[in-house]
Amino acid sequence: MNIKPSTALRNEYTQISQLAKETGEPIVITNKGEADLVVLSVDAFEEREKMFRHRDKIYEAEFARLNGMPTYTSKQIRVELETLYEAADK
């Protein structure tokens, strides 16, 4: 993670923007020596959001399993899909 003072954001925006795009890492902007905000490229932000949505789906499925929802093996799913494909071909 990179750390830059708030004056760098004002005076070196282009360089900070480029750094965020190149590294994909957050850049902490400080104000009077204290962390104030975080800058992240749009691509890195979207990738993180996608990861969080994926993680949420995994948690949701795990909670459902723990609460008694039925689970299936890959073999059971394969058989079910083959049955559906065969029915669609008729």
C-alpha atoms as a PDB file:
ATOM      1  CA  MET A   1       0.000   0.000   0.000  1.00  0.00           C
ATOM      2  CA  ASN A   2       1.288   3.444  -0.908  1.00  0.00           C
ATOM      3  CA  ILE A   3       0.987   6.484   1.341  1.00  0.00           C
ATOM      4  CA  LYS A   4       0.922  10.044   0.014  1.00  0.00           C
ATOM      5  CA  PRO A   5       0.272  13.409   1.666  1.00  0.00           C
ATOM      6  CA  SER A   6      -2.858  15.316   0.675  1.00  0.00           C
ATOM      7  CA  THR A   7      -0.736  17.911  -1.133  1.00  0.00           C
ATOM      8  CA  ALA A   8       0.414  15.170  -3.510  1.00  0.00           C
ATOM      9  CA  LEU A   9      -3.186  14.528  -4.506  1.00  0.00           C
ATOM     10  CA  ARG A  10      -3.561  18.175  -5.466  1.00  0.00           C
ATOM     11  CA  ASN A  11      -0.110  18.644  -7.020  1.00  0.00           C
ATOM     12  CA  GLU A  12       0.579  15.179  -8.465  1.00  0.00           C
ATOM     13  CA  TYR A  13      -2.859  13.878  -9.444  1.00  0.00           C
ATOM     14  CA  THR A  14      -1.672  12.396 -12.747  1.00  0.00           C
ATOM     15  CA  GLN A  15       1.181  10.491 -11.095  1.00  0.00           C
ATOM     16  CA  ILE A  16      -1.076   9.200  -8.312  1.00  0.00           C
ATOM     17  CA  SER A  17      -3.685   8.134 -10.828  1.00  0.00           C
ATOM     18  CA  GLN A  18      -1.042   6.302 -12.856  1.00  0.00           C
ATOM     19  CA  LEU A  19       0.363   4.636  -9.726  1.00  0.00           C
ATOM     20  CA  ALA A  20      -3.097   3.421  -8.733  1.00  0.00           C
ATOM     21  CA  LYS A  21      -3.682   1.985 -12.216  1.00  0.00           C
ATOM     22  CA  GLU A  22      -0.254   0.333 -12.428  1.00  0.00           C
ATOM     23  CA  THR A  23      -0.255  -1.259  -8.986  1.00  0.00           C
ATOM     24  CA  GLY A  24      -3.954  -1.965  -8.515  1.00  0.00           C
ATOM     25  CA  GLU A  25      -3.317  -1.211  -4.860  1.00  0.00           C
ATOM     26  CA  PRO A  26      -5.000   1.379  -2.661  1.00  0.00           C
ATOM     27  CA  ILE A  27      -3.168   4.629  -2.000  1.00  0.00           C
ATOM     28  CA  VAL A  28      -3.670   6.150   1.443  1.00  0.00           C
ATOM     29  CA  ILE A  29      -3.856   9.931   1.413  1.00  0.00           C
ATOM     30  CA  THR A  30      -2.816  11.571   4.654  1.00  0.00           C
ATOM     31  CA  ASN A  31      -3.779  14.933   6.075  1.00  0.00           C
ATOM     32  CA  LYS A  32      -1.464  16.385   8.708  1.00  0.00           C
ATOM     33  CA  GLY A  33       0.217  13.004   9.052  1.00  0.00           C
ATOM     34  CA  GLU A  34      -3.013  11.109   9.714  1.00  0.00           C
ATOM     35  CA  ALA A  35      -4.665   8.680   7.279  1.00  0.00           C
ATOM     36  CA  ASP A  36      -7.587  10.546   5.718  1.00  0.00           C
ATOM     37  CA  LEU A  37      -8.854   8.701   2.629  1.00  0.00           C
ATOM     38  CA  VAL A  38      -8.006   5.933   0.182  1.00  0.00           C
ATOM     39  CA  VAL A  39      -7.669   6.243  -3.593  1.00  0.00           C
ATOM     40  CA  LEU A  40      -8.159   3.183  -5.791  1.00  0.00           C
ATOM     41  CA  SER A  41      -8.333   2.779  -9.562  1.00  0.00           C
ATOM     42  CA  VAL A  42     -11.776   2.016 -10.978  1.00  0.00           C
ATOM     43  CA  ASP A  43     -10.577  -1.348 -12.330  1.00  0.00           C
ATOM     44  CA  ALA A  44      -9.179  -2.375  -8.944  1.00  0.00           C
ATOM     45  CA  PHE A  45     -12.358  -1.174  -7.222  1.00  0.00           C
ATOM     46  CA  GLU A  46     -14.584  -3.174  -9.594  1.00  0.00           C
ATOM     47  CA  GLU A  47     -12.415  -6.280  -9.144  1.00  0.00           C
ATOM     48  CA  ARG A  48     -12.685  -5.989  -5.359  1.00  0.00           C
ATOM     49  CA  GLU A  49     -16.442  -5.523  -5.580  1.00  0.00           C
ATOM     50  CA  LYS A  50     -16.713  -8.616  -7.787  1.00  0.00           C
ATOM     51  CA  MET A  51     -14.659 -10.594  -5.250  1.00  0.00           C
ATOM     52  CA  PHE A  52     -16.880  -9.392  -2.393  1.00  0.00           C
ATOM     53  CA  ARG A  53     -20.065 -10.360  -4.293  1.00  0.00           C
ATOM     54  CA  HIS A  54     -18.581 -13.799  -4.987  1.00  0.00           C
ATOM     55  CA  ARG A  55     -17.603 -14.216  -1.333  1.00  0.00           C
ATOM     56  CA  ASP A  56     -21.116 -13.215  -0.258  1.00  0.00           C
ATOM     57  CA  LYS A  57     -22.610 -15.926  -2.499  1.00  0.00           C
ATOM     58  CA  ILE A  58     -20.276 -18.516  -0.990  1.00  0.00           C
ATOM     59  CA  TYR A  59     -21.264 -17.432   2.536  1.00  0.00           C
ATOM     60  CA  GLU A  60     -24.940 -17.547   1.583  1.00  0.00           C
ATOM     61  CA  ALA A  61     -24.581 -21.086   0.223  1.00  0.00           C
ATOM     62  CA  GLU A  62     -22.659 -22.202   3.319  1.00  0.00           C
ATOM     63  CA  PHE A  63     -25.268 -20.711   5.667  1.00  0.00           C
ATOM     64  CA  ALA A  64     -28.009 -22.465   3.670  1.00  0.00           C
ATOM     65  CA  ARG A  65     -26.128 -25.762   3.966  1.00  0.00           C
ATOM     66  CA  LEU A  66     -25.662 -25.289   7.704  1.00  0.00           C
ATOM     67  CA  ASN A  67     -29.393 -24.585   8.038  1.00  0.00           C
ATOM     68  CA  GLY A  68     -30.330 -27.886   6.443  1.00  0.00           C
ATOM     69  CA  MET A  69     -30.681 -27.097   2.760  1.00  0.00           C
ATOM     70  CA  PRO A  70     -29.942 -30.203   0.665  1.00  0.00           C
ATOM     71  CA  THR A  71     -26.498 -30.600  -0.869  1.00  0.00           C
ATOM     72  CA  TYR A  72     -25.511 -32.507  -3.991  1.00  0.00           C
ATOM     73  CA  THR A  73     -22.358 -34.223  -5.167  1.00  0.00           C
ATOM     74  CA  SER A  74     -20.873 -33.380  -8.534  1.00  0.00           C
ATOM     75  CA  LYS A  75     -21.950 -36.839  -9.731  1.00  0.00           C
ATOM     76  CA  GLN A  76     -25.570 -36.165  -8.732  1.00  0.00           C
ATOM     77  CA  ILE A  77     -25.525 -32.852 -10.569  1.00  0.00           C
ATOM     78  CA  ARG A  78     -23.964 -34.424 -13.662  1.00  0.00           C
ATOM     79  CA  VAL A  79     -26.712 -37.095 -13.764  1.00  0.00           C
ATOM     80  CA  GLU A  80     -29.404 -34.452 -13.362  1.00  0.00           C
ATOM     81  CA  LEU A  81     -27.930 -32.301 -16.143  1.00  0.00           C
ATOM     82  CA  GLU A  82     -27.632 -35.296 -18.481  1.00  0.00           C
ATOM     83  CA  THR A  83     -31.283 -36.104 -17.823  1.00  0.00           C
ATOM     84  CA  LEU A  84     -32.285 -32.521 -18.606  1.00  0.00           C
ATOM     85  CA  TYR A  85     -30.175 -32.477 -21.813  1.00  0.00           C
ATOM     86  CA  GLU A  86     -31.694 -35.766 -22.984  1.00  0.00           C
ATOM     87  CA  ALA A  87     -35.196 -34.457 -22.359  1.00  0.00           C
ATOM     88  CA  ALA A  88     -34.422 -31.268 -24.287  1.00  0.00           C
ATOM     89  CA  ASP A  89     -33.216 -33.265 -27.321  1.00  0.00           C
ATOM     90  CA  LYS A  90     -36.553 -35.102 -27.653  1.00  0.00           C
END
